[in-house]
Amino acid sequence: MHPQKKFHLVFSFVMGAMMISLMTFVITWVNVGLGADFLSRWMKAFGIAYVVGVPVIFFLAPVARKLTGRILGVNPA
């Protein structure tokens, strides 16, 4: 696998884990509070969101990079 493609794939998994864990934590907390079943509900939400989120990051990050470049008038690397 080309190093740039490998980087983008690993980036998607790492970014997905960080962003999705934070977002699912906050949304689960807001919706159900910090009760006895919080951890299991959060883990369920994380699992579903991770399976959906990582491919979204993988495919949309290059689009977002290009769009940002156009908005700012720069050529993204």
PDB file of N, CA and C in Angstrom:
ATOM      1  N   MET A   1       0.852  -1.183   0.000  1.00  0.00           N
ATOM      2  CA  MET A   1       0.000   0.000   0.000  1.00  0.00           C
ATOM      3  C   MET A   1       0.891   1.237   0.000  1.00  0.00           C
ATOM      4  N   HIS A   2       0.507   2.207  -0.808  1.00  0.00           N
ATOM      5  CA  HIS A   2       1.243   3.468  -0.911  1.00  0.00           C
ATOM      6  C   HIS A   2       1.243   4.165   0.456  1.00  0.00           C
ATOM      7  N   PRO A   3       2.389   4.743   0.871  1.00  0.00           N
ATOM      8  CA  PRO A   3       2.468   5.370   2.201  1.00  0.00           C
ATOM      9  C   PRO A   3       1.395   6.432   2.460  1.00  0.00           C
ATOM     10  N   GLN A   4       1.049   7.219   1.450  1.00  0.00           N
ATOM     11  CA  GLN A   4       0.032   8.258   1.641  1.00  0.00           C
ATOM     12  C   GLN A   4      -1.344   7.639   1.885  1.00  0.00           C
ATOM     13  N   LYS A   5      -1.656   6.568   1.161  1.00  0.00           N
ATOM     14  CA  LYS A   5      -2.939   5.867   1.378  1.00  0.00           C
ATOM     15  C   LYS A   5      -2.962   5.219   2.752  1.00  0.00           C
ATOM     16  N   LYS A   6      -1.836   4.635   3.158  1.00  0.00           N
ATOM     17  CA  LYS A   6      -1.749   4.017   4.480  1.00  0.00           C
ATOM     18  C   LYS A   6      -1.941   5.083   5.563  1.00  0.00           C
ATOM     19  N   PHE A   7      -1.311   6.239   5.387  1.00  0.00           N
ATOM     20  CA  PHE A   7      -1.453   7.338   6.328  1.00  0.00           C
ATOM     21  C   PHE A   7      -2.919   7.746   6.444  1.00  0.00           C
ATOM     22  N   HIS A   8      -3.588   7.909   5.313  1.00  0.00           N
ATOM     23  CA  HIS A   8      -4.985   8.338   5.306  1.00  0.00           C
ATOM     24  C   HIS A   8      -5.885   7.301   5.983  1.00  0.00           C
ATOM     25  N   LEU A   9      -5.610   6.027   5.778  1.00  0.00           N
ATOM     26  CA  LEU A   9      -6.400   4.970   6.409  1.00  0.00           C
ATOM     27  C   LEU A   9      -6.217   4.982   7.925  1.00  0.00           C
ATOM     28  N   VAL A  10      -4.967   5.045   8.378  1.00  0.00           N
ATOM     29  CA  VAL A  10      -4.692   5.070   9.820  1.00  0.00           C
ATOM     30  C   VAL A  10      -5.247   6.351  10.437  1.00  0.00           C
ATOM     31  N   PHE A  11      -5.090   7.478   9.735  1.00  0.00           N
ATOM     32  CA  PHE A  11      -5.664   8.742  10.203  1.00  0.00           C
ATOM     33  C   PHE A  11      -7.165   8.604  10.416  1.00  0.00           C
ATOM     34  N   SER A  12      -7.858   7.956   9.501  1.00  0.00           N
ATOM     35  CA  SER A  12      -9.309   7.789   9.606  1.00  0.00           C
ATOM     36  C   SER A  12      -9.690   6.997  10.852  1.00  0.00           C
ATOM     37  N   PHE A  13      -8.939   5.934  11.149  1.00  0.00           N
ATOM     38  CA  PHE A  13      -9.221   5.138  12.341  1.00  0.00           C
ATOM     39  C   PHE A  13      -8.939   5.924  13.626  1.00  0.00           C
ATOM     40  N   VAL A  14      -7.822   6.643  13.653  1.00  0.00           N
ATOM     41  CA  VAL A  14      -7.445   7.411  14.852  1.00  0.00           C
ATOM     42  C   VAL A  14      -8.392   8.592  15.055  1.00  0.00           C
ATOM     43  N   MET A  15      -8.634   9.358  14.000  1.00  0.00           N
ATOM     44  CA  MET A  15      -9.540  10.499  14.100  1.00  0.00           C
ATOM     45  C   MET A  15     -10.937  10.029  14.464  1.00  0.00           C
ATOM     46  N   GLY A  16     -11.357   8.923  13.877  1.00  0.00           N
ATOM     47  CA  GLY A  16     -12.659   8.360  14.195  1.00  0.00           C
ATOM     48  C   GLY A  16     -12.774   8.010  15.667  1.00  0.00           C
ATOM     49  N   ALA A  17     -11.762   7.355  16.210  1.00  0.00           N
ATOM     50  CA  ALA A  17     -11.800   6.961  17.622  1.00  0.00           C
ATOM     51  C   ALA A  17     -11.885   8.185  18.531  1.00  0.00           C
ATOM     52  N   MET A  18     -11.093   9.203  18.250  1.00  0.00           N
ATOM     53  CA  MET A  18     -11.084  10.395  19.100  1.00  0.00           C
ATOM     54  C   MET A  18     -12.388  11.169  18.994  1.00  0.00           C
ATOM     55  N   MET A  19     -12.821  11.468  17.792  1.00  0.00           N
ATOM     56  CA  MET A  19     -14.005  12.284  17.590  1.00  0.00           C
ATOM     57  C   MET A  19     -15.270  11.542  18.034  1.00  0.00           C
ATOM     58  N   ILE A  20     -15.384  10.305  17.643  1.00  0.00           N
ATOM     59  CA  ILE A  20     -16.594   9.543  17.946  1.00  0.00           C
ATOM     60  C   ILE A  20     -16.706   9.250  19.434  1.00  0.00           C
ATOM     61  N   SER A  21     -15.588   8.968  20.108  1.00  0.00           N
ATOM     62  CA  SER A  21     -15.676   8.716  21.548  1.00  0.00           C
ATOM     63  C   SER A  21     -16.149   9.966  22.284  1.00  0.00           C
ATOM     64  N   LEU A  22     -15.629  11.122  21.927  1.00  0.00           N
ATOM     65  CA  LEU A  22     -16.044  12.359  22.575  1.00  0.00           C
ATOM     66  C   LEU A  22     -17.508  12.690  22.279  1.00  0.00           C
ATOM     67  N   MET A  23     -17.897  12.596  21.031  1.00  0.00           N
ATOM     68  CA  MET A  23     -19.264  12.949  20.655  1.00  0.00           C
ATOM     69  C   MET A  23     -20.284  11.986  21.251  1.00  0.00           C
ATOM     70  N   THR A  24     -20.006  10.682  21.200  1.00  0.00           N
ATOM     71  CA  THR A  24     -20.975   9.735  21.760  1.00  0.00           C
ATOM     72  C   THR A  24     -21.041   9.856  23.276  1.00  0.00           C
ATOM     73  N   PHE A  25     -19.918  10.177  23.926  1.00  0.00           N
ATOM     74  CA  PHE A  25     -19.932  10.403  25.372  1.00  0.00           C
ATOM     75  C   PHE A  25     -20.866  11.552  25.717  1.00  0.00           C
ATOM     76  N   VAL A  26     -20.685  12.678  25.046  1.00  0.00           N
ATOM     77  CA  VAL A  26     -21.481  13.874  25.349  1.00  0.00           C
ATOM     78  C   VAL A  26     -22.961  13.633  25.048  1.00  0.00           C
ATOM     79  N   ILE A  27     -23.257  13.080  23.898  1.00  0.00           N
ATOM     80  CA  ILE A  27     -24.661  12.877  23.523  1.00  0.00           C
ATOM     81  C   ILE A  27     -25.326  11.846  24.424  1.00  0.00           C
ATOM     82  N   THR A  28     -24.610  10.777  24.782  1.00  0.00           N
ATOM     83  CA  THR A  28     -25.178   9.787  25.701  1.00  0.00           C
ATOM     84  C   THR A  28     -25.419  10.419  27.066  1.00  0.00           C
ATOM     85  N   TRP A  29     -24.480  11.212  27.543  1.00  0.00           N
ATOM     86  CA  TRP A  29     -24.620  11.896  28.824  1.00  0.00           C
ATOM     87  C   TRP A  29     -25.837  12.818  28.821  1.00  0.00           C
ATOM     88  N   VAL A  30     -25.982  13.598  27.749  1.00  0.00           N
ATOM     89  CA  VAL A  30     -27.115  14.523  27.644  1.00  0.00           C
ATOM     90  C   VAL A  30     -28.437  13.753  27.610  1.00  0.00           C
ATOM     91  N   ASN A  31     -28.469  12.653  26.883  1.00  0.00           N
ATOM     92  CA  ASN A  31     -29.723  11.922  26.700  1.00  0.00           C
ATOM     93  C   ASN A  31     -30.125  11.049  27.881  1.00  0.00           C
ATOM     94  N   VAL A  32     -29.164  10.410  28.546  1.00  0.00           N
ATOM     95  CA  VAL A  32     -29.538   9.456  29.606  1.00  0.00           C
ATOM     96  C   VAL A  32     -28.916   9.776  30.958  1.00  0.00           C
ATOM     97  N   GLY A  33     -28.005  10.738  31.019  1.00  0.00           N
ATOM     98  CA  GLY A  33     -27.348  11.067  32.285  1.00  0.00           C
ATOM     99  C   GLY A  33     -26.287  10.037  32.651  1.00  0.00           C
ATOM    100  N   LEU A  34     -25.674  10.237  33.798  1.00  0.00           N
ATOM    101  CA  LEU A  34     -24.588   9.358  34.239  1.00  0.00           C
ATOM    102  C   LEU A  34     -25.111   8.260  35.181  1.00  0.00           C
ATOM    103  N   GLY A  35     -26.131   7.553  34.749  1.00  0.00           N
ATOM    104  CA  GLY A  35     -26.722   6.489  35.556  1.00  0.00           C
ATOM    105  C   GLY A  35     -25.896   5.215  35.522  1.00  0.00           C
ATOM    106  N   ALA A  36     -26.436   4.186  36.152  1.00  0.00           N
ATOM    107  CA  ALA A  36     -25.749   2.907  36.272  1.00  0.00           C
ATOM    108  C   ALA A  36     -25.490   2.256  34.914  1.00  0.00           C
ATOM    109  N   ASP A  37     -26.347   2.509  33.940  1.00  0.00           N
ATOM    110  CA  ASP A  37     -26.173   1.880  32.627  1.00  0.00           C
ATOM    111  C   ASP A  37     -25.490   2.794  31.617  1.00  0.00           C
ATOM    112  N   PHE A  38     -24.898   3.895  32.091  1.00  0.00           N
ATOM    113  CA  PHE A  38     -24.256   4.843  31.178  1.00  0.00           C
ATOM    114  C   PHE A  38     -23.171   4.190  30.332  1.00  0.00           C
ATOM    115  N   LEU A  39     -22.275   3.456  30.954  1.00  0.00           N
ATOM    116  CA  LEU A  39     -21.146   2.881  30.222  1.00  0.00           C
ATOM    117  C   LEU A  39     -21.607   1.936  29.117  1.00  0.00           C
ATOM    118  N   SER A  40     -22.562   1.082  29.401  1.00  0.00           N
ATOM    119  CA  SER A  40     -23.028   0.152  28.370  1.00  0.00           C
ATOM    120  C   SER A  40     -23.733   0.892  27.237  1.00  0.00           C
ATOM    121  N   ARG A  41     -24.499   1.911  27.570  1.00  0.00           N
ATOM    122  CA  ARG A  41     -25.164   2.702  26.524  1.00  0.00           C
ATOM    123  C   ARG A  41     -24.143   3.465  25.682  1.00  0.00           C
ATOM    124  N   TRP A  42     -23.137   4.018  26.352  1.00  0.00           N
ATOM    125  CA  TRP A  42     -22.102   4.752  25.628  1.00  0.00           C
ATOM    126  C   TRP A  42     -21.326   3.825  24.695  1.00  0.00           C
ATOM    127  N   MET A  43     -20.957   2.648  25.174  1.00  0.00           N
ATOM    128  CA  MET A  43     -20.210   1.698  24.349  1.00  0.00           C
ATOM    129  C   MET A  43     -21.036   1.236  23.149  1.00  0.00           C
ATOM    130  N   LYS A  44     -22.325   1.047  23.340  1.00  0.00           N
ATOM    131  CA  LYS A  44     -23.190   0.663  22.222  1.00  0.00           C
ATOM    132  C   LYS A  44     -23.238   1.788  21.192  1.00  0.00           C
ATOM    133  N   ALA A  45     -23.422   3.017  21.660  1.00  0.00           N
ATOM    134  CA  ALA A  45     -23.448   4.171  20.757  1.00  0.00           C
ATOM    135  C   ALA A  45     -22.114   4.323  20.036  1.00  0.00           C
ATOM    136  N   PHE A  46     -21.011   4.136  20.774  1.00  0.00           N
ATOM    137  CA  PHE A  46     -19.680   4.243  20.169  1.00  0.00           C
ATOM    138  C   PHE A  46     -19.496   3.196  19.079  1.00  0.00           C
ATOM    139  N   GLY A  47     -19.871   1.961  19.360  1.00  0.00           N
ATOM    140  CA  GLY A  47     -19.698   0.881  18.383  1.00  0.00           C
ATOM    141  C   GLY A  47     -20.445   1.146  17.091  1.00  0.00           C
ATOM    142  N   ILE A  48     -21.677   1.587  17.206  1.00  0.00           N
ATOM    143  CA  ILE A  48     -22.464   1.888  16.007  1.00  0.00           C
ATOM    144  C   ILE A  48     -21.865   3.073  15.260  1.00  0.00           C
ATOM    145  N   ALA A  49     -21.554   4.130  15.987  1.00  0.00           N
ATOM    146  CA  ALA A  49     -21.022   5.341  15.352  1.00  0.00           C
ATOM    147  C   ALA A  49     -19.654   5.104  14.724  1.00  0.00           C
ATOM    148  N   TYR A  50     -18.823   4.262  15.328  1.00  0.00           N
ATOM    149  CA  TYR A  50     -17.481   4.004  14.794  1.00  0.00           C
ATOM    150  C   TYR A  50     -17.563   3.278  13.456  1.00  0.00           C
ATOM    151  N   VAL A  51     -18.459   2.303  13.379  1.00  0.00           N
ATOM    152  CA  VAL A  51     -18.622   1.546  12.137  1.00  0.00           C
ATOM    153  C   VAL A  51     -19.102   2.454  11.002  1.00  0.00           C
ATOM    154  N   VAL A  52     -19.921   3.421  11.331  1.00  0.00           N
ATOM    155  CA  VAL A  52     -20.416   4.366  10.325  1.00  0.00           C
ATOM    156  C   VAL A  52     -19.401   5.491  10.101  1.00  0.00           C
ATOM    157  N   GLY A  53     -18.811   6.001  11.184  1.00  0.00           N
ATOM    158  CA  GLY A  53     -17.981   7.197  11.112  1.00  0.00           C
ATOM    159  C   GLY A  53     -16.649   7.037  10.421  1.00  0.00           C
ATOM    160  N   VAL A  54     -15.975   5.933  10.627  1.00  0.00           N
ATOM    161  CA  VAL A  54     -14.642   5.763  10.024  1.00  0.00           C
ATOM    162  C   VAL A  54     -14.712   5.775   8.491  1.00  0.00           C
ATOM    163  N   PRO A  55     -15.622   5.032   7.868  1.00  0.00           N
ATOM    164  CA  PRO A  55     -15.710   5.149   6.400  1.00  0.00           C
ATOM    165  C   PRO A  55     -16.088   6.555   5.935  1.00  0.00           C
ATOM    166  N   VAL A  56     -16.947   7.232   6.701  1.00  0.00           N
ATOM    167  CA  VAL A  56     -17.313   8.603   6.337  1.00  0.00           C
ATOM    168  C   VAL A  56     -16.076   9.493   6.369  1.00  0.00           C
ATOM    169  N   ILE A  57     -15.276   9.384   7.432  1.00  0.00           N
ATOM    170  CA  ILE A  57     -14.041  10.169   7.516  1.00  0.00           C
ATOM    171  C   ILE A  57     -13.112   9.810   6.364  1.00  0.00           C
ATOM    172  N   PHE A  58     -12.957   8.520   6.085  1.00  0.00           N
ATOM    173  CA  PHE A  58     -12.046   8.067   5.034  1.00  0.00           C
ATOM    174  C   PHE A  58     -12.417   8.668   3.680  1.00  0.00           C
ATOM    175  N   PHE A  59     -13.703   8.661   3.360  1.00  0.00           N
ATOM    176  CA  PHE A  59     -14.117   9.127   2.041  1.00  0.00           C
ATOM    177  C   PHE A  59     -14.357  10.633   1.969  1.00  0.00           C
ATOM    178  N   LEU A  60     -14.753  11.261   3.069  1.00  0.00           N
ATOM    179  CA  LEU A  60     -15.071  12.685   3.010  1.00  0.00           C
ATOM    180  C   LEU A  60     -13.922  13.615   3.387  1.00  0.00           C
ATOM    181  N   ALA A  61     -12.909  13.120   4.085  1.00  0.00           N
ATOM    182  CA  ALA A  61     -11.777  13.984   4.455  1.00  0.00           C
ATOM    183  C   ALA A  61     -11.101  14.601   3.228  1.00  0.00           C
ATOM    184  N   PRO A  62     -10.841  13.840   2.154  1.00  0.00           N
ATOM    185  CA  PRO A  62     -10.232  14.474   0.972  1.00  0.00           C
ATOM    186  C   PRO A  62     -11.146  15.530   0.339  1.00  0.00           C
ATOM    187  N   VAL A  63     -12.441  15.283   0.351  1.00  0.00           N
ATOM    188  CA  VAL A  63     -13.396  16.257  -0.190  1.00  0.00           C
ATOM    189  C   VAL A  63     -13.369  17.528   0.659  1.00  0.00           C
ATOM    190  N   ALA A  64     -13.376  17.366   1.976  1.00  0.00           N
ATOM    191  CA  ALA A  64     -13.330  18.514   2.880  1.00  0.00           C
ATOM    192  C   ALA A  64     -12.026  19.290   2.709  1.00  0.00           C
ATOM    193  N   ARG A  65     -10.923  18.577   2.518  1.00  0.00           N
ATOM    194  CA  ARG A  65      -9.624  19.228   2.318  1.00  0.00           C
ATOM    195  C   ARG A  65      -9.652  20.082   1.046  1.00  0.00           C
ATOM    196  N   LYS A  66     -10.181  19.538  -0.050  1.00  0.00           N
ATOM    197  CA  LYS A  66     -10.254  20.283  -1.311  1.00  0.00           C
ATOM    198  C   LYS A  66     -11.196  21.475  -1.198  1.00  0.00           C
ATOM    199  N   LEU A  67     -12.338  21.271  -0.575  1.00  0.00           N
ATOM    200  CA  LEU A  67     -13.297  22.359  -0.403  1.00  0.00           C
ATOM    201  C   LEU A  67     -12.703  23.480   0.451  1.00  0.00           C
ATOM    202  N   THR A  68     -12.017  23.108   1.517  1.00  0.00           N
ATOM    203  CA  THR A  68     -11.360  24.110   2.363  1.00  0.00           C
ATOM    204  C   THR A  68     -10.308  24.874   1.572  1.00  0.00           C
ATOM    205  N   GLY A  69      -9.550  24.166   0.744  1.00  0.00           N
ATOM    206  CA  GLY A  69      -8.561  24.820  -0.108  1.00  0.00           C
ATOM    207  C   GLY A  69      -9.188  25.832  -1.049  1.00  0.00           C
ATOM    208  N   ARG A  70     -10.324  25.453  -1.630  1.00  0.00           N
ATOM    209  CA  ARG A  70     -11.027  26.388  -2.518  1.00  0.00           C
ATOM    210  C   ARG A  70     -11.541  27.604  -1.780  1.00  0.00           C
ATOM    211  N   ILE A  71     -12.121  27.377  -0.609  1.00  0.00           N
ATOM    212  CA  ILE A  71     -12.660  28.490   0.192  1.00  0.00           C
ATOM    213  C   ILE A  71     -11.551  29.471   0.554  1.00  0.00           C
ATOM    214  N   LEU A  72     -10.394  28.931   0.941  1.00  0.00           N
ATOM    215  CA  LEU A  72      -9.285  29.783   1.382  1.00  0.00           C
ATOM    216  C   LEU A  72      -8.362  30.206   0.261  1.00  0.00           C
ATOM    217  N   GLY A  73      -8.565  29.662  -0.926  1.00  0.00           N
ATOM    218  CA  GLY A  73      -7.731  30.012  -2.072  1.00  0.00           C
ATOM    219  C   GLY A  73      -6.310  29.471  -1.981  1.00  0.00           C
ATOM    220  N   VAL A  74      -6.168  28.302  -1.345  1.00  0.00           N
ATOM    221  CA  VAL A  74      -4.858  27.671  -1.247  1.00  0.00           C
ATOM    222  C   VAL A  74      -4.930  26.264  -1.820  1.00  0.00           C
ATOM    223  N   ASN A  75      -3.781  25.716  -2.153  1.00  0.00           N
ATOM    224  CA  ASN A  75      -3.714  24.370  -2.688  1.00  0.00           C
ATOM    225  C   ASN A  75      -3.335  23.428  -1.549  1.00  0.00           C
ATOM    226  N   PRO A  76      -4.288  22.629  -1.051  1.00  0.00           N
ATOM    227  CA  PRO A  76      -3.968  21.732   0.069  1.00  0.00           C
ATOM    228  C   PRO A  76      -2.986  20.657  -0.348  1.00  0.00           C
ATOM    229  N   ALA A  77      -2.102  20.330   0.565  1.00  0.00           N
ATOM    230  CA  ALA A  77      -1.082  19.303   0.277  1.00  0.00           C
ATOM    231  C   ALA A  77      -1.659  17.912   0.373  1.00  0.00           C
TER     232      ALA A  77
END
